[in-house]
Amino acid sequence: MVSLPIFIILLGILMVASNNTRIPTQNDPRAQTFATLTADTQVTFDSPEPLPGVGTYKVTSRHIEIDAKRPSTGEVQRIRVNIREPQGAGKNLPGMVFMHGAGYGTCDNSFGDIATSMSSAGFVTAVIDKPVWSTNDLTRDYPGSAAVYDQAINVIRDLDQVDAHKVGIYATSESTWISSYLVAMDHDIAFQILLSPMVFSPRHAVAFLAIQNFALAGANDGYQAIVRRILSLDMGMFGLTNIDLHTATPQAYSIPTLVAYGSKDVMTAQVQGFKDILDQAHRAGNWNVSLRSYPVANHVLRLGDEAQTGTPFADDYERDAVSWAVGTSRGLTQTSEPIAGAPLYQSIAVPLGLHARRAMTIYGMLVLGLMVIMMLVAAIVGVIALIAHIRNRITHRGPALGFQYRFGGSLLMLTIITMACMLLFVGGLGEVVLAVVHLSWGSAPQEDAGMMYWSWPVVQIVCIGVVWAWSRVFAGMIEVASMRGLLTWPVKRGTIRHIVSGEEPVVATTRLGRVLFWTTTVAMLLVLLSFSFWGLFLF
């Protein structure tokens, strides 16, 4: 009669917390497609004479150094520029600057093959060390990076053999956010090649990436819901404003543009992304937009695992990109179909409804922060209690904790079970993250999802059992408190003082035992409350 109401109240609190932090699912429409006009990706132009292609000229390489100044802070990064030049190609050559995706690429370990191919077709190319300054992956300065890439463009323009009005850019993945700033900043950029462009804001693009990849990896829907919670946090509270950048503007696609995708790319929303690019380009009055889509190619148009060095480009991508750049830089009319290759496919919709939820963020940070603090406090008290227990056993001083009515055993059992649930939860989430990383690199999903799927319902079931066990513990405490006269009215004089002092204890006869019990109890209940924040009490 006592345990059941307590159980219902505790479970009700946890379920309400889970429901109030629930983010609606926005995966529809599913299985979107965008048809191409032909499967042949070759790019041709109306030219009276043969155009240079890959291997036409020998290529030489040299390095220079420039000071990359971050406009917002004045911070300077000394970066190297790898300039590749075609030998014997003449004057008034086109140029191209390559822009790094995620990570920390340098001028020597990035774009080596495609930059060399472009130069062998008559381009003067530049690859720079990625400008990062003192930022990290979460605090990248995209406008500042755009200024540095524009600095590299001007280096190329100033070369005697380069036509300053024929310099374009080659942007991949994350740098397509930067290229939007760059095109708006420099109105003389001639053309752009966008490889797997991240069209939408980081909040929506990363949410799409994670939710789709969690599903492809076979993760339980519960783990997929965690993504929506994380990407609904108000990052602006922590000074992280990049998450809501809006770079898909008509200006960003106002110049001749080639978009390239791979069918095995699990990181970009290809159908919605390309439709948005077309829409923005047409608003800017630009109808020179081409698409090339390649089967079995991953996010960077490679065949196989991106993590492996020397992985080649897919099919004829290198040939097609070079051909398009050559013809476009010369102002020729394209005779091949603008939309070609494998049809685009998108499994779910981009969750454009996600937005910053400040109240949820404050609640979540409060719960998670208190949980971490109380777990540290409980761990410290636990170590002290263990030392005291061992010391008293050796010196025969009597019990160091003095738990009564089996409260000590119950506390130990519930702590072990709760921490086991946490380890299972973290292990399942960690396995999902690793699977997503491998998918992003081009690996195939595992046939058996394993712990990524079954760990979620197991944790849910065990958590219900833990809540019931806690209700039994609290019921026992109420029973003992009533025996001590604490629940009578009016309360007998001195009752509370006797309980607090340990003369008539409810939980333990020693102060250390009482402190250990309550710090551990609060910590474990906060663990359950953090589980509810992540949605483990949604059934």
Protein backbone atom coordinates (compact mmCIF):
# COMPACT_ATOMS: atom_id res chain seq x y z
CA MET A 1 0.00 0.00 0.00
CA VAL A 2 2.94 2.36 0.61
CA SER A 3 5.39 1.16 -2.05
CA LEU A 4 2.93 1.28 -4.96
CA PRO A 5 1.99 4.99 -4.63
CA ILE A 6 5.67 5.89 -4.25
CA PHE A 7 6.50 3.82 -7.36
CA ILE A 8 3.73 5.52 -9.36
CA ILE A 9 4.88 8.98 -8.25
CA LEU A 10 8.54 8.32 -9.06
CA LEU A 11 7.76 6.73 -12.42
CA GLY A 12 5.29 9.51 -13.20
CA ILE A 13 7.92 12.19 -12.55
CA LEU A 14 10.42 10.42 -14.82
CA MET A 15 7.87 9.87 -17.59
CA VAL A 16 6.72 13.50 -17.46
CA ALA A 17 10.36 14.62 -17.74
CA SER A 18 10.87 12.35 -20.77
CA ASN A 19 7.71 13.57 -22.47
CA ASN A 20 8.45 17.24 -21.86
CA THR A 21 11.89 16.89 -23.48
CA ARG A 22 10.59 14.88 -26.40
CA ILE A 23 11.27 16.35 -29.85
CA PRO A 24 8.73 15.50 -32.58
CA THR A 25 9.97 13.19 -35.31
CA GLN A 26 10.24 14.87 -38.72
CA ASN A 27 11.35 12.22 -41.19
CA ASP A 28 8.64 12.63 -43.83
CA PRO A 29 8.58 12.67 -46.77
CA ARG A 30 10.72 9.57 -47.03
CA ALA A 31 12.47 8.00 -50.02
CA GLN A 32 12.71 11.21 -52.05
CA THR A 33 14.26 10.93 -55.52
CA PHE A 34 15.52 13.31 -58.20
CA ALA A 35 15.82 11.91 -61.70
CA THR A 36 18.78 12.64 -63.96
CA LEU A 37 18.56 13.17 -67.71
CA THR A 38 21.20 10.59 -68.61
CA ALA A 39 23.48 8.11 -66.91
CA ASP A 40 26.46 9.37 -68.93
CA THR A 41 28.41 11.83 -66.75
CA GLN A 42 30.82 13.02 -69.45
CA VAL A 43 30.97 16.82 -69.80
CA THR A 44 31.32 18.30 -73.29
CA PHE A 45 31.32 21.80 -74.75
CA ASP A 46 30.75 23.44 -78.10
CA SER A 47 34.39 24.08 -79.01
CA PRO A 48 35.97 24.42 -82.47
CA GLU A 49 39.17 22.80 -81.20
CA PRO A 50 40.01 20.00 -78.75
CA LEU A 51 40.15 21.19 -75.15
CA PRO A 52 43.03 20.29 -72.81
CA GLY A 53 42.29 17.47 -70.42
CA VAL A 54 43.93 15.48 -67.65
CA GLY A 55 47.59 14.90 -68.52
CA THR A 56 47.91 17.51 -71.24
CA TYR A 57 50.70 19.41 -69.46
CA LYS A 58 53.45 18.52 -67.07
CA VAL A 59 53.00 19.99 -63.62
CA THR A 60 55.50 21.64 -61.30
CA SER A 61 54.89 22.46 -57.67
CA ARG A 62 56.28 25.13 -55.38
CA HIS A 63 55.50 26.46 -51.92
CA ILE A 64 55.10 29.94 -50.55
CA GLU A 65 54.04 31.19 -47.13
CA ILE A 66 51.48 33.83 -46.22
CA ASP A 67 50.20 35.32 -42.98
CA ALA A 68 46.53 34.42 -42.52
CA LYS A 69 45.02 37.11 -40.30
CA ARG A 70 41.76 36.39 -38.55
CA PRO A 71 39.67 39.53 -39.12
CA SER A 72 37.58 39.25 -35.96
CA THR A 73 40.51 38.96 -33.53
CA GLY A 74 43.67 39.91 -35.39
CA GLU A 75 45.17 36.47 -34.65
CA VAL A 76 47.72 35.44 -37.31
CA GLN A 77 48.43 31.93 -38.54
CA ARG A 78 51.45 31.33 -40.77
CA ILE A 79 50.24 29.01 -43.51
CA ARG A 80 51.89 27.40 -46.51
CA VAL A 81 50.47 27.45 -50.02
CA ASN A 82 51.18 24.66 -52.51
CA ILE A 83 51.02 26.20 -55.98
CA ARG A 84 50.90 23.82 -58.95
CA GLU A 85 51.54 25.19 -62.45
CA PRO A 86 51.24 23.66 -65.93
CA GLN A 87 54.43 23.86 -67.98
CA GLY A 88 54.18 25.31 -71.47
CA ALA A 89 50.49 26.20 -71.19
CA GLY A 90 51.01 29.85 -72.13
CA LYS A 91 49.45 32.99 -70.64
CA ASN A 92 45.98 34.03 -69.44
CA LEU A 93 45.50 30.70 -67.66
CA PRO A 94 42.56 29.95 -65.40
CA GLY A 95 43.16 29.36 -61.72
CA MET A 96 41.56 27.36 -58.92
CA VAL A 97 41.79 27.45 -55.13
CA PHE A 98 40.87 24.33 -53.14
CA MET A 99 38.94 24.61 -49.88
CA HIS A 100 39.24 22.06 -47.07
CA GLY A 101 36.39 20.11 -45.55
CA ALA A 102 36.27 19.00 -41.91
CA GLY A 103 39.48 18.23 -40.06
CA TYR A 104 42.91 19.85 -40.17
CA GLY A 105 44.19 19.40 -43.72
CA THR A 106 47.47 20.84 -44.92
CA CYS A 107 48.64 22.00 -48.33
CA ASP A 108 50.57 18.75 -48.83
CA ASN A 109 48.15 16.08 -47.61
CA SER A 110 44.97 17.38 -49.27
CA PHE A 111 43.69 17.52 -52.86
CA GLY A 112 46.97 16.24 -54.28
CA ASP A 113 45.43 14.13 -57.04
CA ILE A 114 42.63 16.43 -58.18
CA ALA A 115 44.79 19.57 -57.93
CA THR A 116 47.49 17.91 -60.05
CA SER A 117 44.89 16.80 -62.60
CA MET A 118 43.49 20.33 -62.82
CA SER A 119 46.97 21.76 -63.32
CA SER A 120 47.75 19.16 -65.99
CA ALA A 121 44.75 20.54 -67.90
CA GLY A 122 46.06 24.11 -67.82
CA PHE A 123 45.01 25.48 -64.42
CA VAL A 124 47.23 27.19 -61.89
CA THR A 125 46.02 25.73 -58.60
CA ALA A 126 46.56 26.56 -54.95
CA VAL A 127 46.06 24.36 -51.90
CA ILE A 128 46.63 26.02 -48.53
CA ASP A 129 47.00 24.82 -44.96
CA LYS A 130 43.54 24.96 -43.44
CA PRO A 131 43.13 28.22 -41.49
CA VAL A 132 42.01 27.27 -37.99
CA TRP A 133 43.83 29.67 -35.65
CA SER A 134 42.83 28.86 -32.05
CA THR A 135 39.38 27.56 -33.02
CA ASN A 136 38.11 23.98 -32.89
CA ASP A 137 35.48 22.00 -34.78
CA LEU A 138 32.68 23.74 -32.85
CA THR A 139 34.02 27.29 -33.02
CA ARG A 140 35.28 27.51 -36.61
CA ASP A 141 35.41 31.07 -37.95
CA TYR A 142 33.77 30.61 -41.35
CA PRO A 143 33.76 34.30 -42.40
CA GLY A 144 37.40 34.55 -41.29
CA SER A 145 38.29 31.42 -43.25
CA ALA A 146 36.59 32.90 -46.32
CA ALA A 147 38.85 35.95 -46.05
CA VAL A 148 41.95 33.72 -46.02
CA TYR A 149 40.80 31.70 -49.04
CA ASP A 150 40.18 35.01 -50.81
CA GLN A 151 43.75 35.96 -49.90
CA ALA A 152 44.91 32.76 -51.65
CA ILE A 153 42.75 33.62 -54.66
CA ASN A 154 44.47 36.98 -54.92
CA VAL A 155 47.87 35.27 -54.75
CA ILE A 156 46.88 33.25 -57.83
CA ARG A 157 45.43 36.33 -59.58
CA ASP A 158 48.69 38.20 -59.13
CA LEU A 159 50.71 35.58 -61.05
CA ASP A 160 51.80 36.74 -64.51
CA GLN A 161 50.43 33.71 -66.36
CA VAL A 162 46.96 33.82 -64.74
CA ASP A 163 43.89 35.66 -66.01
CA ALA A 164 42.61 37.34 -62.83
CA HIS A 165 38.99 37.03 -64.01
CA LYS A 166 39.17 33.25 -64.51
CA VAL A 167 39.91 32.03 -60.98
CA GLY A 168 37.38 29.65 -59.43
CA ILE A 169 37.05 27.58 -56.26
CA TYR A 170 36.73 23.91 -55.40
CA ALA A 171 34.88 23.41 -52.10
CA THR A 172 34.06 20.15 -50.38
CA SER A 173 31.71 19.28 -47.53
CA GLU A 174 32.16 21.70 -44.60
CA SER A 175 33.90 24.29 -46.75
CA THR A 176 30.71 24.78 -48.79
CA TRP A 177 29.49 26.83 -45.82
CA ILE A 178 32.65 28.93 -46.19
CA SER A 179 32.28 29.22 -49.97
CA SER A 180 28.94 30.99 -49.47
CA TYR A 181 30.71 33.75 -47.54
CA LEU A 182 33.53 33.80 -50.09
CA VAL A 183 31.28 34.24 -53.14
CA ALA A 184 29.40 37.03 -51.36
CA MET A 185 32.72 38.64 -50.41
CA ASP A 186 34.48 38.38 -53.79
CA HIS A 187 32.23 39.12 -56.77
CA ASP A 188 34.94 38.25 -59.28
CA ILE A 189 35.10 34.51 -58.58
CA ALA A 190 34.55 32.87 -61.95
CA PHE A 191 33.00 29.49 -61.08
CA GLN A 192 32.71 26.90 -58.31
CA ILE A 193 32.80 23.12 -57.96
CA LEU A 194 30.86 21.97 -54.90
CA LEU A 195 31.57 18.40 -53.84
CA SER A 196 28.89 17.02 -51.46
CA PRO A 197 27.72 20.49 -50.42
CA MET A 198 26.29 21.00 -46.93
CA VAL A 199 23.43 23.20 -48.10
CA PHE A 200 21.47 23.57 -44.88
CA SER A 201 22.46 25.10 -41.55
CA PRO A 202 24.80 23.02 -39.37
CA ARG A 203 21.94 22.28 -36.95
CA HIS A 204 19.77 20.79 -39.68
CA ALA A 205 22.58 19.25 -41.76
CA VAL A 206 24.16 17.47 -38.78
CA ALA A 207 20.74 16.35 -37.52
CA PHE A 208 19.95 14.82 -40.91
CA LEU A 209 23.35 13.15 -41.04
CA ALA A 210 23.09 11.67 -37.55
CA ILE A 211 19.45 10.56 -37.68
CA GLN A 212 19.88 8.92 -41.09
CA ASN A 213 23.12 7.22 -40.11
CA PHE A 214 21.75 6.04 -36.77
CA ALA A 215 18.92 4.37 -38.71
CA LEU A 216 21.31 2.87 -41.29
CA ALA A 217 23.50 1.51 -38.50
CA GLY A 218 20.46 -0.25 -37.02
CA ALA A 219 20.34 1.81 -33.82
CA ASN A 220 17.23 1.69 -31.70
CA ASP A 221 14.77 4.56 -32.23
CA GLY A 222 15.59 5.73 -28.71
CA TYR A 223 19.19 6.47 -29.67
CA GLN A 224 17.94 8.27 -32.78
CA ALA A 225 15.74 10.46 -30.57
CA ILE A 226 18.83 11.50 -28.58
CA VAL A 227 20.11 13.24 -31.71
CA ARG A 228 17.00 15.41 -31.90
CA ARG A 229 17.40 16.37 -28.24
CA ILE A 230 21.07 17.26 -28.60
CA LEU A 231 20.47 19.31 -31.74
CA SER A 232 17.61 21.17 -30.08
CA LEU A 233 19.92 22.56 -27.39
CA ASP A 234 20.44 26.29 -27.36
CA MET A 235 24.15 26.36 -28.21
CA GLY A 236 24.13 30.14 -28.23
CA MET A 237 24.06 29.99 -24.42
CA PHE A 238 27.59 28.59 -24.60
CA GLY A 239 28.84 30.96 -27.28
CA LEU A 240 28.50 28.40 -30.10
CA THR A 241 26.70 30.39 -32.79
CA ASN A 242 27.84 28.43 -35.86
CA ILE A 243 25.07 25.89 -35.47
CA ASP A 244 22.44 28.24 -36.91
CA LEU A 245 24.40 29.72 -39.80
CA HIS A 246 22.21 30.42 -42.82
CA THR A 247 24.41 30.33 -45.91
CA ALA A 248 22.03 29.03 -48.60
CA THR A 249 21.34 32.36 -50.30
CA PRO A 250 20.92 33.33 -53.96
CA GLN A 251 24.29 35.11 -53.85
CA ALA A 252 26.03 31.83 -52.89
CA TYR A 253 24.97 30.19 -56.18
CA SER A 254 25.05 33.20 -58.49
CA ILE A 255 28.08 31.94 -60.49
CA PRO A 256 28.50 28.85 -62.74
CA THR A 257 28.27 25.86 -60.41
CA LEU A 258 29.02 22.16 -60.66
CA VAL A 259 27.53 20.00 -57.89
CA ALA A 260 28.87 16.47 -57.41
CA TYR A 261 27.40 13.71 -55.24
CA GLY A 262 28.12 10.06 -54.55
CA SER A 263 25.32 7.53 -54.14
CA LYS A 264 26.97 6.07 -51.02
CA ASP A 265 27.22 9.47 -49.38
CA VAL A 266 25.32 9.10 -46.10
CA MET A 267 26.08 12.62 -44.88
CA THR A 268 24.23 14.99 -47.20
CA ALA A 269 20.57 15.52 -48.08
CA GLN A 270 21.04 15.26 -51.82
CA VAL A 271 17.49 15.68 -53.13
CA GLN A 272 16.47 18.60 -50.92
CA GLY A 273 19.96 20.05 -51.13
CA PHE A 274 20.15 20.13 -54.92
CA LYS A 275 16.60 21.43 -55.24
CA ASP A 276 17.51 24.26 -52.89
CA ILE A 277 20.68 25.02 -54.88
CA LEU A 278 18.67 25.20 -58.10
CA ASP A 279 16.06 27.42 -56.49
CA GLN A 280 18.63 29.83 -55.04
CA ALA A 281 20.65 29.92 -58.28
CA HIS A 282 17.56 30.69 -60.37
CA ARG A 283 16.61 33.48 -57.96
CA ALA A 284 20.04 34.95 -58.62
CA GLY A 285 19.48 34.68 -62.37
CA ASN A 286 22.04 31.87 -62.76
CA TRP A 287 20.96 28.95 -64.95
CA ASN A 288 24.45 27.53 -65.37
CA VAL A 289 24.15 24.78 -62.76
CA SER A 290 25.26 21.22 -63.49
CA LEU A 291 24.93 18.04 -61.46
CA ARG A 292 27.01 14.89 -61.62
CA SER A 293 26.07 11.94 -59.42
CA TYR A 294 28.22 8.80 -59.21
CA PRO A 295 27.20 5.32 -58.04
CA VAL A 296 29.16 3.58 -55.23
CA ALA A 297 30.98 6.84 -54.42
CA ASN A 298 31.10 8.14 -50.85
CA HIS A 299 30.99 11.63 -49.32
CA VAL A 300 34.25 12.73 -50.94
CA LEU A 301 33.58 10.92 -54.23
CA ARG A 302 36.01 8.14 -53.36
CA LEU A 303 35.64 4.40 -53.76
CA GLY A 304 35.86 2.63 -50.41
CA ASP A 305 36.84 3.73 -46.93
CA GLU A 306 37.79 7.41 -46.84
CA ALA A 307 40.11 6.71 -43.89
CA GLN A 308 42.39 4.65 -46.12
CA THR A 309 45.09 6.61 -47.94
CA GLY A 310 45.29 6.43 -51.72
CA THR A 311 41.60 5.68 -52.20
CA PRO A 312 40.80 6.62 -55.83
CA PHE A 313 38.02 8.84 -57.09
CA ALA A 314 34.84 7.21 -58.32
CA ASP A 315 34.37 6.40 -61.99
CA ASP A 316 35.05 9.38 -64.24
CA TYR A 317 34.57 12.10 -61.64
CA GLU A 318 38.10 13.45 -62.02
CA ARG A 319 37.77 13.62 -65.80
CA ASP A 320 34.32 15.21 -65.61
CA ALA A 321 35.28 17.84 -63.03
CA VAL A 322 38.33 18.86 -65.04
CA SER A 323 36.36 18.98 -68.31
CA TRP A 324 33.64 21.12 -66.75
CA ALA A 325 36.19 23.53 -65.25
CA VAL A 326 38.10 23.84 -68.53
CA GLY A 327 35.02 24.59 -70.64
CA THR A 328 33.39 26.86 -68.06
CA SER A 329 36.54 28.91 -67.49
CA ARG A 330 36.66 29.57 -71.26
CA GLY A 331 33.03 30.68 -71.37
CA LEU A 332 31.98 27.87 -73.72
CA THR A 333 28.46 26.50 -74.13
CA GLN A 334 27.95 23.11 -72.51
CA THR A 335 26.55 20.54 -74.95
CA SER A 336 26.20 17.62 -72.54
CA GLU A 337 23.18 17.24 -70.26
CA PRO A 338 23.44 19.43 -67.15
CA ILE A 339 21.84 16.82 -64.88
CA ALA A 340 23.56 13.46 -65.32
CA GLY A 341 24.66 10.31 -63.54
CA ALA A 342 22.88 8.16 -60.96
CA PRO A 343 19.46 9.41 -59.79
CA LEU A 344 19.59 11.17 -56.42
CA TYR A 345 18.01 9.44 -53.45
CA GLN A 346 17.26 10.69 -49.95
CA SER A 347 15.90 8.34 -47.28
CA ILE A 348 14.34 10.90 -44.90
CA ALA A 349 13.56 14.60 -44.90
CA VAL A 350 15.87 17.21 -43.42
CA PRO A 351 14.46 18.00 -39.93
CA LEU A 352 14.03 21.70 -40.63
CA GLY A 353 11.71 22.05 -37.64
CA LEU A 354 14.56 21.68 -35.16
CA HIS A 355 15.35 24.88 -33.32
CA ALA A 356 16.97 26.03 -30.11
CA ARG A 357 14.90 25.24 -27.01
CA ARG A 358 16.29 27.32 -24.16
CA ALA A 359 14.07 25.96 -21.38
CA MET A 360 14.95 22.37 -22.27
CA THR A 361 18.62 23.32 -22.46
CA ILE A 362 18.61 24.88 -18.99
CA TYR A 363 16.76 21.90 -17.52
CA GLY A 364 19.06 19.38 -19.20
CA MET A 365 22.26 21.14 -18.19
CA LEU A 366 20.95 21.47 -14.62
CA VAL A 367 20.10 17.77 -14.34
CA LEU A 368 23.27 16.53 -16.03
CA GLY A 369 25.47 18.98 -14.14
CA LEU A 370 23.98 18.04 -10.77
CA MET A 371 24.32 14.37 -11.65
CA VAL A 372 28.03 14.72 -12.38
CA ILE A 373 28.61 16.74 -9.20
CA MET A 374 26.69 14.35 -6.97
CA MET A 375 28.36 11.31 -8.51
CA LEU A 376 31.75 12.83 -7.74
CA VAL A 377 30.67 13.67 -4.19
CA ALA A 378 29.23 10.18 -3.69
CA ALA A 379 32.41 8.61 -5.06
CA ILE A 380 34.58 10.63 -2.67
CA VAL A 381 32.35 9.78 0.29
CA GLY A 382 32.33 6.15 -0.83
CA VAL A 383 36.14 6.00 -0.85
CA ILE A 384 36.25 7.55 2.62
CA ALA A 385 33.64 5.06 3.84
CA LEU A 386 35.56 2.13 2.36
CA ILE A 387 38.78 3.25 4.06
CA ALA A 388 36.94 3.72 7.36
CA HIS A 389 35.28 0.32 7.03
CA ILE A 390 38.60 -1.45 6.39
CA ARG A 391 40.27 0.44 9.23
CA ASN A 392 37.53 -0.43 11.71
CA ARG A 393 37.57 -4.08 10.68
CA ILE A 394 41.32 -4.24 11.25
CA THR A 395 41.27 -2.37 14.56
CA HIS A 396 37.98 -3.98 15.77
CA ARG A 397 36.39 -0.60 16.41
CA GLY A 398 32.92 -1.68 15.39
CA PRO A 399 30.91 -0.72 12.30
CA ALA A 400 32.08 2.37 10.45
CA LEU A 401 28.73 2.92 8.74
CA GLY A 402 26.16 1.23 10.95
CA PHE A 403 23.42 0.78 8.37
CA GLN A 404 20.14 -0.49 9.81
CA TYR A 405 17.22 -2.50 8.45
CA ARG A 406 19.24 -3.68 5.44
CA PHE A 407 19.43 -0.17 4.01
CA GLY A 408 23.14 -0.64 3.36
CA GLY A 409 22.61 -3.77 1.27
CA SER A 410 19.75 -2.16 -0.65
CA LEU A 411 21.83 0.93 -1.37
CA LEU A 412 24.75 -1.16 -2.63
CA MET A 413 22.54 -3.29 -4.87
CA LEU A 414 20.68 -0.31 -6.36
CA THR A 415 23.91 1.58 -6.96
CA ILE A 416 25.45 -1.36 -8.78
CA ILE A 417 22.34 -1.90 -10.94
CA THR A 418 21.96 1.81 -11.74
CA MET A 419 25.62 2.15 -12.72
CA ALA A 420 25.37 -1.01 -14.80
CA CYS A 421 22.45 0.60 -16.65
CA MET A 422 24.53 3.69 -17.25
CA LEU A 423 27.45 1.67 -18.58
CA LEU A 424 25.10 -0.27 -20.88
CA PHE A 425 23.53 2.97 -22.08
CA VAL A 426 26.91 4.63 -22.72
CA GLY A 427 28.22 1.45 -24.36
CA GLY A 428 25.25 1.23 -26.71
CA LEU A 429 25.53 4.91 -27.63
CA GLY A 430 29.28 4.57 -28.14
CA GLU A 431 28.79 1.62 -30.48
CA VAL A 432 26.30 3.67 -32.50
CA VAL A 433 28.76 6.56 -32.80
CA LEU A 434 31.54 4.22 -34.00
CA ALA A 435 29.19 2.65 -36.55
CA VAL A 436 28.21 6.10 -37.82
CA VAL A 437 31.87 7.10 -38.18
CA HIS A 438 32.57 3.98 -40.24
CA LEU A 439 29.50 4.67 -42.39
CA SER A 440 30.69 8.22 -42.99
CA TRP A 441 34.06 6.86 -44.13
CA GLY A 442 32.34 4.67 -46.71
CA SER A 443 32.02 1.34 -44.88
CA ALA A 444 28.90 -0.81 -45.18
CA PRO A 445 26.58 -1.12 -42.14
CA GLN A 446 26.85 -4.24 -39.99
CA GLU A 447 24.38 -7.01 -40.65
CA ASP A 448 23.58 -7.38 -36.94
CA ALA A 449 22.99 -4.16 -35.00
CA GLY A 450 23.65 -5.99 -31.74
CA MET A 451 23.93 -3.83 -28.64
CA MET A 452 22.96 -0.73 -30.64
CA TYR A 453 19.43 -2.08 -30.74
CA TRP A 454 18.80 -4.30 -27.71
CA SER A 455 20.60 -2.18 -25.09
CA TRP A 456 17.91 0.52 -25.14
CA PRO A 457 14.89 -1.66 -24.19
CA VAL A 458 17.03 -3.59 -21.68
CA VAL A 459 17.99 -0.35 -19.92
CA GLN A 460 14.33 0.73 -19.97
CA ILE A 461 13.17 -2.51 -18.34
CA VAL A 462 15.91 -2.50 -15.72
CA CYS A 463 15.21 1.16 -14.92
CA ILE A 464 11.58 0.32 -14.14
CA GLY A 465 12.81 -2.37 -11.78
CA VAL A 466 15.21 0.11 -10.17
CA VAL A 467 12.38 2.60 -9.65
CA TRP A 468 10.32 -0.13 -7.97
CA ALA A 469 13.26 -1.05 -5.76
CA TRP A 470 13.71 2.59 -4.74
CA SER A 471 10.03 2.80 -3.87
CA ARG A 472 10.51 -0.20 -1.56
CA VAL A 473 13.51 1.48 0.08
CA PHE A 474 11.56 4.70 0.65
CA ALA A 475 8.62 2.72 1.97
CA GLY A 476 10.96 1.06 4.46
CA MET A 477 12.29 4.44 5.53
CA ILE A 478 8.73 5.69 6.06
CA GLU A 479 7.99 2.64 8.17
CA VAL A 480 11.07 3.15 10.36
CA ALA A 481 10.34 6.89 10.62
CA SER A 482 6.82 6.14 11.80
CA MET A 483 8.23 3.75 14.43
CA ARG A 484 10.43 6.61 15.63
CA GLY A 485 7.37 8.87 15.94
CA LEU A 486 8.42 11.18 13.12
CA LEU A 487 5.09 10.84 11.27
CA THR A 488 2.82 11.55 14.24
CA TRP A 489 1.26 14.96 14.71
CA PRO A 490 2.25 16.88 16.58
CA VAL A 491 5.77 15.52 16.31
CA LYS A 492 7.06 14.40 19.69
CA ARG A 493 9.55 16.87 21.13
CA GLY A 494 13.15 15.86 20.48
CA THR A 495 12.27 13.24 17.85
CA ILE A 496 13.94 15.05 14.95
CA ARG A 497 16.99 15.89 17.07
CA HIS A 498 17.37 12.28 18.14
CA ILE A 499 17.12 11.05 14.54
CA VAL A 500 19.60 13.59 13.18
CA SER A 501 22.05 13.02 16.04
CA GLY A 502 21.91 9.27 15.56
CA GLU A 503 20.41 8.49 18.97
CA GLU A 504 17.36 6.96 17.23
CA PRO A 505 18.58 6.51 13.65
CA VAL A 506 16.40 5.68 10.66
CA VAL A 507 19.09 4.77 8.13
CA ALA A 508 22.42 4.36 9.91
CA THR A 509 23.87 4.74 13.40
CA THR A 510 26.93 6.74 12.23
CA ARG A 511 27.13 10.15 10.60
CA LEU A 512 29.37 8.76 7.85
CA GLY A 513 26.77 6.10 7.07
CA ARG A 514 23.99 8.67 6.83
CA VAL A 515 26.07 10.97 4.61
CA LEU A 516 27.00 8.06 2.35
CA PHE A 517 23.38 6.93 2.08
CA TRP A 518 21.95 10.31 1.14
CA THR A 519 24.72 11.42 -1.24
CA THR A 520 24.55 8.09 -3.07
CA THR A 521 20.75 8.11 -3.12
CA VAL A 522 20.59 11.61 -4.59
CA ALA A 523 23.28 10.72 -7.16
CA MET A 524 21.46 7.58 -8.29
CA LEU A 525 18.11 9.38 -8.53
CA LEU A 526 19.78 12.07 -10.63
CA VAL A 527 21.10 9.32 -12.91
CA LEU A 528 17.52 8.15 -13.40
CA LEU A 529 16.43 11.75 -14.02
CA SER A 530 19.18 12.12 -16.63
CA PHE A 531 17.92 8.92 -18.25
CA SER A 532 14.49 10.52 -18.40
CA PHE A 533 15.99 13.59 -20.09
CA TRP A 534 17.35 11.36 -22.87
CA GLY A 535 13.95 9.68 -23.29
CA LEU A 536 14.46 6.32 -21.59
CA PHE A 537 11.11 6.64 -19.84
CA LEU A 538 9.09 6.95 -23.04
CA PHE A 539 7.21 3.72 -23.64
